[in-house]
């Protein structure tokens, strides 16, 4: 069992696979352009490998468990990513860029915008962790309404997950 400090600690235990980014290493600071408040709100490049052979699709989420709420903050949620896809280019979270694979659907983030929202921890709140999670699923498609929440997606994922890959970036906004 993983630590309660991991927001996935109560989710089903499943095999893992690898998720990396050339833009930041696991546990390192997210690039400035991947921030929301003073950056460009651009999603980083993501590459994954080693998902089980029975994978039929992927779902991707970005979650900040350190947000000053009792429920964290969902920054990005994409599902119905085809199983043949093993990477997303930089700025794939921008719907105007058109960089997501055909069939992939982005749900609204906490600001109710269907796009990537970069890191933006409150000033002086300390370092926040941003969990990028790619879930390998045993179904080609999840059926959700376009206005579903990332939490609802999480419930659907838990019913179909066969493996999980995780990459954590951090960010902090100094006190003013």
N, C-alpha and C. Protein backbone atom coordinates (compact mmCIF):
# COMPACT_ATOMS: atom_id res chain seq x y z
N UNK A 1 0.85 -1.19 0.00
CA UNK A 1 0.00 0.00 0.00
C UNK A 1 0.88 1.24 0.00
N UNK A 2 0.50 2.24 -0.78
CA UNK A 2 1.27 3.48 -0.83
C UNK A 2 0.92 4.36 0.36
N UNK A 3 1.65 5.43 0.51
CA UNK A 3 1.50 6.34 1.64
C UNK A 3 0.25 7.20 1.51
N UNK A 4 -0.40 7.54 2.64
CA UNK A 4 -1.52 8.47 2.59
C UNK A 4 -1.13 9.85 2.06
N UNK A 5 0.19 10.12 1.95
CA UNK A 5 0.66 11.36 1.36
C UNK A 5 0.50 11.35 -0.16
N UNK A 6 0.24 10.18 -0.74
CA UNK A 6 0.00 10.01 -2.17
C UNK A 6 -1.51 10.07 -2.39
N UNK A 7 -2.01 10.95 -3.26
CA UNK A 7 -3.46 11.05 -3.43
C UNK A 7 -4.10 9.80 -4.01
N UNK A 8 -3.30 8.85 -4.47
CA UNK A 8 -3.84 7.61 -5.03
C UNK A 8 -3.81 6.45 -4.02
N UNK A 9 -3.49 6.71 -2.77
CA UNK A 9 -3.23 5.65 -1.81
C UNK A 9 -4.42 4.74 -1.56
N UNK A 10 -5.65 5.19 -1.79
CA UNK A 10 -6.82 4.34 -1.55
C UNK A 10 -7.41 3.80 -2.84
N UNK A 11 -6.77 4.07 -3.95
CA UNK A 11 -7.24 3.53 -5.22
C UNK A 11 -6.78 2.08 -5.36
N UNK A 12 -7.39 1.35 -6.30
CA UNK A 12 -6.97 -0.04 -6.48
C UNK A 12 -5.47 -0.15 -6.77
N UNK A 13 -4.82 -1.12 -6.15
CA UNK A 13 -3.42 -1.37 -6.45
C UNK A 13 -3.36 -2.10 -7.79
N UNK A 14 -2.59 -1.55 -8.70
CA UNK A 14 -2.45 -2.11 -10.05
C UNK A 14 -0.98 -2.04 -10.44
N UNK A 15 -0.58 -2.79 -11.47
CA UNK A 15 0.80 -2.68 -11.94
C UNK A 15 1.09 -1.25 -12.40
N UNK A 16 2.36 -0.93 -12.44
CA UNK A 16 2.78 0.40 -12.88
C UNK A 16 3.49 0.30 -14.23
N UNK A 17 3.55 1.43 -14.91
CA UNK A 17 4.37 1.56 -16.11
C UNK A 17 5.03 2.92 -16.03
N UNK A 18 5.76 3.33 -17.04
CA UNK A 18 6.62 4.51 -16.96
C UNK A 18 6.00 5.72 -17.64
N UNK A 19 6.06 6.86 -16.96
CA UNK A 19 5.64 8.16 -17.50
C UNK A 19 6.78 9.13 -17.26
N UNK A 20 7.25 9.77 -18.34
CA UNK A 20 8.35 10.74 -18.24
C UNK A 20 8.03 11.97 -19.08
N UNK A 21 8.82 13.00 -18.85
CA UNK A 21 8.73 14.23 -19.64
C UNK A 21 10.13 14.78 -19.85
N UNK A 22 10.44 15.25 -21.06
CA UNK A 22 11.73 15.91 -21.26
C UNK A 22 11.75 17.31 -20.65
N UNK A 23 10.59 17.77 -20.17
CA UNK A 23 10.47 19.13 -19.66
C UNK A 23 10.76 19.25 -18.16
N UNK A 24 10.64 18.14 -17.42
CA UNK A 24 10.96 18.13 -15.99
C UNK A 24 11.09 16.67 -15.55
N UNK A 25 11.91 16.44 -14.54
CA UNK A 25 12.08 15.09 -13.99
C UNK A 25 11.11 14.89 -12.83
N UNK A 26 10.84 13.65 -12.50
CA UNK A 26 9.94 13.34 -11.40
C UNK A 26 10.43 14.01 -10.12
N UNK A 27 9.56 14.79 -9.49
CA UNK A 27 9.90 15.50 -8.26
C UNK A 27 10.53 16.85 -8.46
N UNK A 28 10.81 17.23 -9.71
CA UNK A 28 11.43 18.53 -10.00
C UNK A 28 10.37 19.61 -10.27
N UNK A 29 10.84 20.84 -10.34
CA UNK A 29 9.98 21.99 -10.57
C UNK A 29 9.45 22.00 -12.00
N UNK A 30 8.17 22.29 -12.13
CA UNK A 30 7.56 22.44 -13.45
C UNK A 30 8.15 23.68 -14.14
N UNK A 31 8.26 23.65 -15.45
CA UNK A 31 8.75 24.84 -16.16
C UNK A 31 7.82 26.04 -15.94
N UNK A 32 8.38 27.22 -16.00
CA UNK A 32 7.58 28.44 -15.81
C UNK A 32 6.43 28.51 -16.80
N UNK A 33 6.65 28.09 -18.04
CA UNK A 33 5.60 28.15 -19.06
C UNK A 33 4.46 27.18 -18.79
N UNK A 34 4.65 26.24 -17.84
CA UNK A 34 3.59 25.30 -17.48
C UNK A 34 2.76 25.81 -16.31
N UNK A 35 3.02 27.03 -15.88
CA UNK A 35 2.25 27.66 -14.80
C UNK A 35 1.09 28.45 -15.41
N UNK A 36 0.14 28.77 -14.55
CA UNK A 36 -1.03 29.52 -15.00
C UNK A 36 -0.91 31.00 -14.67
N UNK A 37 -0.52 31.31 -13.44
CA UNK A 37 -0.55 32.69 -12.97
C UNK A 37 0.47 33.59 -13.67
N UNK A 38 1.66 33.10 -13.93
CA UNK A 38 2.66 33.94 -14.59
C UNK A 38 3.31 33.23 -15.77
N UNK A 39 2.77 32.14 -16.15
CA UNK A 39 3.31 31.36 -17.26
C UNK A 39 2.42 31.43 -18.48
N UNK A 40 2.46 30.38 -19.24
CA UNK A 40 1.73 30.36 -20.50
C UNK A 40 0.61 29.33 -20.52
N UNK A 41 0.39 28.63 -19.40
CA UNK A 41 -0.64 27.59 -19.35
C UNK A 41 -0.43 26.53 -20.42
N UNK A 42 0.82 26.16 -20.67
CA UNK A 42 1.12 25.12 -21.67
C UNK A 42 1.39 23.81 -20.96
N UNK A 43 0.73 22.76 -21.41
CA UNK A 43 0.97 21.44 -20.84
C UNK A 43 2.34 20.92 -21.32
N UNK A 44 3.02 20.15 -20.46
CA UNK A 44 4.32 19.62 -20.84
C UNK A 44 4.20 18.42 -21.78
N UNK A 45 5.30 18.09 -22.42
CA UNK A 45 5.40 16.87 -23.22
C UNK A 45 5.34 15.69 -22.26
N UNK A 46 4.59 14.67 -22.62
CA UNK A 46 4.50 13.46 -21.81
C UNK A 46 4.72 12.23 -22.69
N UNK A 47 5.52 11.28 -22.20
CA UNK A 47 5.78 10.01 -22.90
C UNK A 47 5.54 8.88 -21.90
N UNK A 48 4.87 7.82 -22.35
CA UNK A 48 4.70 6.66 -21.49
C UNK A 48 4.99 5.38 -22.25
N UNK A 49 5.43 4.37 -21.48
CA UNK A 49 5.74 3.07 -22.06
C UNK A 49 5.57 1.99 -21.01
N UNK A 50 5.37 0.77 -21.50
CA UNK A 50 5.27 -0.37 -20.61
C UNK A 50 3.88 -0.68 -20.13
N UNK A 51 2.86 -0.11 -20.75
CA UNK A 51 1.48 -0.44 -20.37
C UNK A 51 1.20 -1.89 -20.75
N UNK A 52 0.33 -2.57 -20.01
CA UNK A 52 0.02 -3.97 -20.31
C UNK A 52 -0.55 -4.16 -21.72
N UNK A 53 -0.35 -5.34 -22.27
CA UNK A 53 -0.81 -5.63 -23.64
C UNK A 53 -2.33 -5.55 -23.77
N UNK A 54 -3.08 -5.72 -22.71
CA UNK A 54 -4.53 -5.65 -22.77
C UNK A 54 -5.10 -4.24 -22.72
N UNK A 55 -4.23 -3.23 -22.74
CA UNK A 55 -4.69 -1.84 -22.67
C UNK A 55 -5.49 -1.50 -23.93
N UNK A 56 -6.68 -0.92 -23.73
CA UNK A 56 -7.53 -0.55 -24.86
C UNK A 56 -7.68 0.96 -25.00
N UNK A 57 -7.33 1.71 -23.95
CA UNK A 57 -7.31 3.18 -24.01
C UNK A 57 -6.58 3.70 -22.78
N UNK A 58 -6.35 5.02 -22.79
CA UNK A 58 -5.71 5.68 -21.66
C UNK A 58 -6.55 6.87 -21.20
N UNK A 59 -6.38 7.22 -19.93
CA UNK A 59 -6.92 8.46 -19.38
C UNK A 59 -5.76 9.18 -18.70
N UNK A 60 -5.76 10.49 -18.77
CA UNK A 60 -4.71 11.32 -18.19
C UNK A 60 -5.34 12.34 -17.26
N UNK A 61 -4.77 12.48 -16.06
CA UNK A 61 -5.22 13.53 -15.16
C UNK A 61 -4.01 14.27 -14.59
N UNK A 62 -4.26 15.51 -14.20
CA UNK A 62 -3.27 16.31 -13.46
C UNK A 62 -3.99 16.86 -12.25
N UNK A 63 -3.47 16.55 -11.06
CA UNK A 63 -4.15 16.85 -9.81
C UNK A 63 -3.17 17.46 -8.81
N UNK A 64 -3.62 18.49 -8.10
CA UNK A 64 -2.86 19.13 -7.02
C UNK A 64 -3.52 18.79 -5.69
N UNK A 65 -2.97 17.82 -4.94
CA UNK A 65 -3.57 17.48 -3.66
C UNK A 65 -3.29 18.50 -2.56
N UNK A 66 -2.39 19.46 -2.83
CA UNK A 66 -1.98 20.43 -1.83
C UNK A 66 -2.75 21.75 -1.89
N UNK A 67 -3.72 21.83 -2.80
CA UNK A 67 -4.54 23.05 -2.90
C UNK A 67 -5.26 23.28 -1.57
N UNK A 68 -5.49 24.54 -1.21
CA UNK A 68 -6.11 24.83 0.08
C UNK A 68 -7.63 24.58 0.07
N UNK A 69 -7.98 23.35 -0.27
CA UNK A 69 -9.38 22.90 -0.23
C UNK A 69 -9.37 21.53 0.42
N UNK A 70 -10.52 21.00 0.73
CA UNK A 70 -10.56 19.64 1.28
C UNK A 70 -10.62 18.60 0.16
N UNK A 71 -10.61 19.07 -1.09
CA UNK A 71 -10.73 18.13 -2.22
C UNK A 71 -9.64 18.28 -3.27
N UNK A 72 -8.60 19.06 -3.00
CA UNK A 72 -7.55 19.25 -3.99
C UNK A 72 -8.03 20.09 -5.16
N UNK A 73 -7.28 20.04 -6.27
CA UNK A 73 -7.60 20.85 -7.44
C UNK A 73 -7.25 20.06 -8.70
N UNK A 74 -8.23 19.87 -9.56
CA UNK A 74 -8.03 19.18 -10.84
C UNK A 74 -7.64 20.20 -11.90
N UNK A 75 -6.48 20.01 -12.49
CA UNK A 75 -5.96 20.93 -13.50
C UNK A 75 -6.21 20.46 -14.93
N UNK A 76 -6.35 19.13 -15.11
CA UNK A 76 -6.46 18.60 -16.47
C UNK A 76 -7.00 17.19 -16.39
N UNK A 77 -7.89 16.85 -17.30
CA UNK A 77 -8.42 15.49 -17.37
C UNK A 77 -8.79 15.17 -18.81
N UNK A 78 -8.17 14.13 -19.36
CA UNK A 78 -8.40 13.71 -20.74
C UNK A 78 -8.66 12.21 -20.73
N UNK A 79 -9.64 11.77 -21.47
CA UNK A 79 -9.93 10.35 -21.55
C UNK A 79 -10.20 9.94 -22.99
N UNK A 80 -10.35 8.63 -23.19
CA UNK A 80 -10.52 8.04 -24.53
C UNK A 80 -9.30 8.31 -25.42
N UNK A 81 -8.13 8.31 -24.82
CA UNK A 81 -6.89 8.39 -25.58
C UNK A 81 -6.65 6.99 -26.16
N UNK A 82 -6.54 6.85 -27.47
CA UNK A 82 -6.38 5.51 -28.06
C UNK A 82 -5.16 4.77 -27.52
N UNK A 83 -5.27 3.46 -27.42
CA UNK A 83 -4.21 2.61 -26.86
C UNK A 83 -2.91 2.69 -27.65
N UNK A 84 -2.97 3.03 -28.93
CA UNK A 84 -1.75 3.11 -29.74
C UNK A 84 -0.93 4.38 -29.43
N UNK A 85 -1.54 5.34 -28.75
CA UNK A 85 -0.87 6.60 -28.41
C UNK A 85 0.01 6.39 -27.18
N UNK A 86 1.25 6.83 -27.24
CA UNK A 86 2.17 6.71 -26.10
C UNK A 86 2.85 8.02 -25.74
N UNK A 87 2.34 9.13 -26.29
CA UNK A 87 2.91 10.42 -25.91
C UNK A 87 1.93 11.54 -26.30
N UNK A 88 2.12 12.66 -25.63
CA UNK A 88 1.41 13.88 -25.98
C UNK A 88 2.45 14.98 -26.14
N UNK A 89 2.32 15.80 -27.19
CA UNK A 89 3.30 16.86 -27.41
C UNK A 89 3.07 18.04 -26.46
N UNK A 90 4.03 18.96 -26.39
CA UNK A 90 3.81 20.15 -25.56
C UNK A 90 2.60 20.92 -26.07
N UNK A 91 1.86 21.49 -25.15
CA UNK A 91 0.66 22.30 -25.41
C UNK A 91 -0.53 21.47 -25.91
N UNK A 92 -0.49 20.14 -25.70
CA UNK A 92 -1.63 19.30 -26.09
C UNK A 92 -2.88 19.65 -25.29
N UNK A 93 -2.70 20.28 -24.13
CA UNK A 93 -3.84 20.67 -23.30
C UNK A 93 -4.55 21.92 -23.76
N UNK A 94 -4.07 22.53 -24.83
CA UNK A 94 -4.68 23.73 -25.40
C UNK A 94 -5.63 23.29 -26.51
N UNK A 95 -6.94 23.42 -26.33
CA UNK A 95 -7.87 22.94 -27.36
C UNK A 95 -7.69 23.65 -28.70
N UNK A 96 -7.22 24.87 -28.69
CA UNK A 96 -7.02 25.61 -29.94
C UNK A 96 -5.84 25.06 -30.74
N UNK A 97 -4.91 24.37 -30.08
CA UNK A 97 -3.75 23.82 -30.77
C UNK A 97 -4.11 22.55 -31.55
N UNK A 98 -5.16 21.86 -31.16
CA UNK A 98 -5.59 20.65 -31.86
C UNK A 98 -4.57 19.53 -31.83
N UNK A 99 -3.86 19.35 -30.71
CA UNK A 99 -2.77 18.37 -30.64
C UNK A 99 -3.15 17.05 -29.97
N UNK A 100 -4.35 16.96 -29.43
CA UNK A 100 -4.77 15.68 -28.84
C UNK A 100 -5.13 14.70 -29.95
N UNK A 101 -4.94 13.41 -29.71
CA UNK A 101 -5.30 12.42 -30.75
C UNK A 101 -6.81 12.39 -30.99
N UNK A 102 -7.20 11.98 -32.18
CA UNK A 102 -8.62 11.87 -32.53
C UNK A 102 -9.31 10.98 -31.51
N UNK A 103 -10.47 11.41 -31.06
CA UNK A 103 -11.27 10.64 -30.12
C UNK A 103 -11.04 11.00 -28.67
N UNK A 104 -9.91 11.63 -28.35
CA UNK A 104 -9.63 12.01 -26.97
C UNK A 104 -10.54 13.17 -26.57
N UNK A 105 -11.02 13.13 -25.34
CA UNK A 105 -11.95 14.15 -24.84
C UNK A 105 -11.38 14.77 -23.58
N UNK A 106 -11.41 16.10 -23.51
CA UNK A 106 -10.95 16.83 -22.34
C UNK A 106 -12.15 17.28 -21.53
N UNK A 107 -12.14 16.97 -20.25
CA UNK A 107 -13.20 17.42 -19.34
C UNK A 107 -12.85 18.79 -18.77
N UNK A 108 -13.85 19.53 -18.30
CA UNK A 108 -13.56 20.81 -17.66
C UNK A 108 -12.73 20.63 -16.38
N UNK A 109 -11.77 21.54 -16.19
CA UNK A 109 -10.96 21.55 -14.97
C UNK A 109 -11.75 22.25 -13.86
N UNK A 110 -11.11 22.58 -12.77
CA UNK A 110 -11.82 23.24 -11.66
C UNK A 110 -12.38 24.62 -12.03
N UNK A 111 -11.80 25.26 -13.03
CA UNK A 111 -12.33 26.54 -13.50
C UNK A 111 -13.43 26.34 -14.53
N UNK A 112 -13.79 25.04 -14.77
CA UNK A 112 -14.84 24.63 -15.71
C UNK A 112 -14.46 24.94 -17.15
N UNK A 113 -13.16 24.92 -17.42
CA UNK A 113 -12.64 25.09 -18.78
C UNK A 113 -12.09 23.76 -19.27
N UNK A 114 -12.50 23.29 -20.46
CA UNK A 114 -12.00 22.02 -20.97
C UNK A 114 -10.61 22.16 -21.59
N UNK A 115 -9.61 22.31 -20.72
CA UNK A 115 -8.24 22.54 -21.16
C UNK A 115 -7.29 22.31 -19.98
N UNK A 116 -6.01 22.33 -20.27
CA UNK A 116 -4.98 22.29 -19.24
C UNK A 116 -4.95 23.62 -18.52
N UNK A 117 -4.91 23.57 -17.20
CA UNK A 117 -4.68 24.76 -16.39
C UNK A 117 -3.37 24.55 -15.66
N UNK A 118 -2.44 25.45 -15.86
CA UNK A 118 -1.12 25.31 -15.26
C UNK A 118 -1.11 25.49 -13.75
N UNK A 119 0.03 25.20 -13.18
CA UNK A 119 0.24 25.33 -11.74
C UNK A 119 0.04 26.78 -11.31
N UNK A 120 -0.57 26.97 -10.15
CA UNK A 120 -0.78 28.31 -9.62
C UNK A 120 -1.04 28.25 -8.12
N UNK A 121 -0.07 27.75 -7.35
CA UNK A 121 -0.31 27.68 -5.91
C UNK A 121 -0.41 29.09 -5.32
N UNK A 122 -1.23 29.27 -4.29
CA UNK A 122 -1.34 30.60 -3.67
C UNK A 122 0.02 31.08 -3.15
N UNK A 123 0.25 32.37 -3.22
CA UNK A 123 1.50 32.96 -2.74
C UNK A 123 1.71 32.63 -1.28
N UNK A 124 2.92 32.15 -0.97
CA UNK A 124 3.27 31.85 0.40
C UNK A 124 2.69 30.55 0.94
N UNK A 125 2.01 29.77 0.13
CA UNK A 125 1.37 28.54 0.59
C UNK A 125 2.33 27.35 0.60
N UNK A 126 3.54 27.56 0.11
CA UNK A 126 4.52 26.49 0.06
C UNK A 126 4.47 25.72 -1.24
N UNK A 127 5.29 24.69 -1.30
CA UNK A 127 5.40 23.89 -2.51
C UNK A 127 4.17 23.00 -2.68
N UNK A 128 3.65 22.99 -3.91
CA UNK A 128 2.54 22.11 -4.26
C UNK A 128 3.04 21.03 -5.20
N UNK A 129 2.44 19.84 -5.09
CA UNK A 129 2.76 18.71 -5.96
C UNK A 129 1.67 18.59 -7.03
N UNK A 130 2.11 18.34 -8.25
CA UNK A 130 1.19 18.18 -9.39
C UNK A 130 1.38 16.78 -9.94
N UNK A 131 0.38 15.93 -9.70
CA UNK A 131 0.43 14.53 -10.11
C UNK A 131 -0.13 14.38 -11.51
N UNK A 132 0.74 14.05 -12.46
CA UNK A 132 0.32 13.66 -13.80
C UNK A 132 0.17 12.14 -13.74
N UNK A 133 -1.00 11.65 -14.04
CA UNK A 133 -1.27 10.21 -13.96
C UNK A 133 -1.87 9.74 -15.27
N UNK A 134 -1.25 8.73 -15.85
CA UNK A 134 -1.81 8.08 -17.03
C UNK A 134 -2.30 6.71 -16.57
N UNK A 135 -3.59 6.46 -16.80
CA UNK A 135 -4.20 5.19 -16.43
C UNK A 135 -4.46 4.37 -17.68
N UNK A 136 -3.98 3.13 -17.68
CA UNK A 136 -4.25 2.19 -18.77
C UNK A 136 -5.58 1.51 -18.45
N UNK A 137 -6.49 1.50 -19.42
CA UNK A 137 -7.84 0.98 -19.19
C UNK A 137 -8.14 -0.22 -20.07
N UNK A 138 -9.08 -1.04 -19.62
CA UNK A 138 -9.46 -2.25 -20.36
C UNK A 138 -10.64 -2.04 -21.30
N UNK A 139 -11.01 -0.79 -21.55
CA UNK A 139 -12.09 -0.46 -22.48
C UNK A 139 -11.58 0.59 -23.47
N UNK A 140 -12.14 0.59 -24.69
CA UNK A 140 -11.74 1.58 -25.69
C UNK A 140 -12.27 2.97 -25.37
N UNK A 141 -13.47 3.00 -24.79
CA UNK A 141 -14.12 4.29 -24.53
C UNK A 141 -14.80 4.28 -23.18
N UNK A 142 -14.74 5.42 -22.52
CA UNK A 142 -15.55 5.66 -21.33
C UNK A 142 -16.68 6.58 -21.76
N UNK A 143 -17.86 6.33 -21.26
CA UNK A 143 -19.01 7.16 -21.62
C UNK A 143 -19.30 8.12 -20.48
N UNK A 144 -18.97 9.38 -20.71
CA UNK A 144 -19.21 10.46 -19.75
C UNK A 144 -19.84 11.63 -20.50
N UNK A 145 -20.58 12.45 -19.79
CA UNK A 145 -21.10 13.66 -20.42
C UNK A 145 -19.98 14.68 -20.51
N UNK A 146 -20.08 15.60 -21.45
CA UNK A 146 -19.01 16.59 -21.67
C UNK A 146 -18.78 17.50 -20.47
N UNK A 147 -19.77 17.62 -19.58
CA UNK A 147 -19.62 18.48 -18.41
C UNK A 147 -19.29 17.68 -17.15
N UNK A 148 -18.96 16.39 -17.29
CA UNK A 148 -18.60 15.58 -16.13
C UNK A 148 -17.37 16.17 -15.45
N UNK A 149 -17.22 15.87 -14.19
CA UNK A 149 -16.07 16.36 -13.44
C UNK A 149 -14.91 15.35 -13.52
N UNK A 150 -13.69 15.80 -13.29
CA UNK A 150 -12.57 14.87 -13.22
C UNK A 150 -12.77 13.82 -12.11
N UNK A 151 -13.45 14.17 -11.02
CA UNK A 151 -13.72 13.19 -9.97
C UNK A 151 -14.62 12.07 -10.50
N UNK A 152 -15.60 12.41 -11.30
CA UNK A 152 -16.46 11.39 -11.93
C UNK A 152 -15.62 10.52 -12.87
N UNK A 153 -14.72 11.12 -13.61
CA UNK A 153 -13.81 10.35 -14.45
C UNK A 153 -13.02 9.37 -13.59
N UNK A 154 -12.57 9.81 -12.43
CA UNK A 154 -11.81 8.94 -11.54
C UNK A 154 -12.59 7.70 -11.13
N UNK A 155 -13.87 7.86 -10.90
CA UNK A 155 -14.71 6.71 -10.56
C UNK A 155 -14.77 5.75 -11.74
N UNK A 156 -14.93 6.29 -12.94
CA UNK A 156 -14.98 5.45 -14.14
C UNK A 156 -13.64 4.74 -14.36
N UNK A 157 -12.55 5.46 -14.14
CA UNK A 157 -11.22 4.87 -14.28
C UNK A 157 -11.07 3.70 -13.31
N UNK A 158 -11.49 3.88 -12.06
CA UNK A 158 -11.28 2.83 -11.06
C UNK A 158 -12.00 1.54 -11.41
N UNK A 159 -13.05 1.62 -12.24
CA UNK A 159 -13.78 0.43 -12.67
C UNK A 159 -13.10 -0.29 -13.83
N UNK A 160 -12.10 0.34 -14.47
CA UNK A 160 -11.50 -0.23 -15.69
C UNK A 160 -9.98 -0.18 -15.72
N UNK A 161 -9.34 0.26 -14.67
CA UNK A 161 -7.89 0.42 -14.69
C UNK A 161 -7.16 -0.93 -14.65
N UNK A 162 -6.12 -1.04 -15.48
CA UNK A 162 -5.27 -2.23 -15.46
C UNK A 162 -3.83 -1.89 -15.07
N UNK A 163 -3.46 -0.61 -15.16
CA UNK A 163 -2.12 -0.17 -14.76
C UNK A 163 -2.12 1.35 -14.65
N UNK A 164 -1.10 1.87 -13.92
CA UNK A 164 -1.03 3.31 -13.69
C UNK A 164 0.42 3.78 -13.79
N UNK A 165 0.61 4.93 -14.43
CA UNK A 165 1.91 5.58 -14.49
C UNK A 165 1.77 6.96 -13.88
N UNK A 166 2.79 7.41 -13.19
CA UNK A 166 2.70 8.68 -12.48
C UNK A 166 3.99 9.46 -12.58
N UNK A 167 3.85 10.76 -12.71
CA UNK A 167 4.97 11.70 -12.75
C UNK A 167 4.56 12.91 -11.94
N UNK A 168 5.41 13.35 -11.03
CA UNK A 168 5.06 14.47 -10.16
C UNK A 168 5.99 15.64 -10.43
N UNK A 169 5.39 16.80 -10.68
CA UNK A 169 6.12 18.05 -10.76
C UNK A 169 5.73 18.92 -9.59
N UNK A 170 6.57 19.86 -9.22
CA UNK A 170 6.27 20.73 -8.10
C UNK A 170 6.34 22.19 -8.55
N UNK A 171 5.68 23.04 -7.79
CA UNK A 171 5.71 24.47 -8.07
C UNK A 171 5.38 25.22 -6.80
N UNK A 172 5.91 26.42 -6.69
CA UNK A 172 5.69 27.25 -5.51
C UNK A 172 5.63 28.71 -5.93
N UNK A 173 4.78 29.47 -5.27
CA UNK A 173 4.68 30.90 -5.50
C UNK A 173 5.19 31.59 -4.23
N UNK A 174 6.27 32.35 -4.32
CA UNK A 174 6.81 33.01 -3.12
C UNK A 174 5.79 33.96 -2.49
N UNK A 175 5.93 34.16 -1.19
CA UNK A 175 5.09 35.13 -0.47
C UNK A 175 5.37 36.51 -1.03
N UNK A 176 4.37 37.32 -1.04
CA UNK A 176 4.53 38.69 -1.59
C UNK A 176 4.98 39.66 -0.55
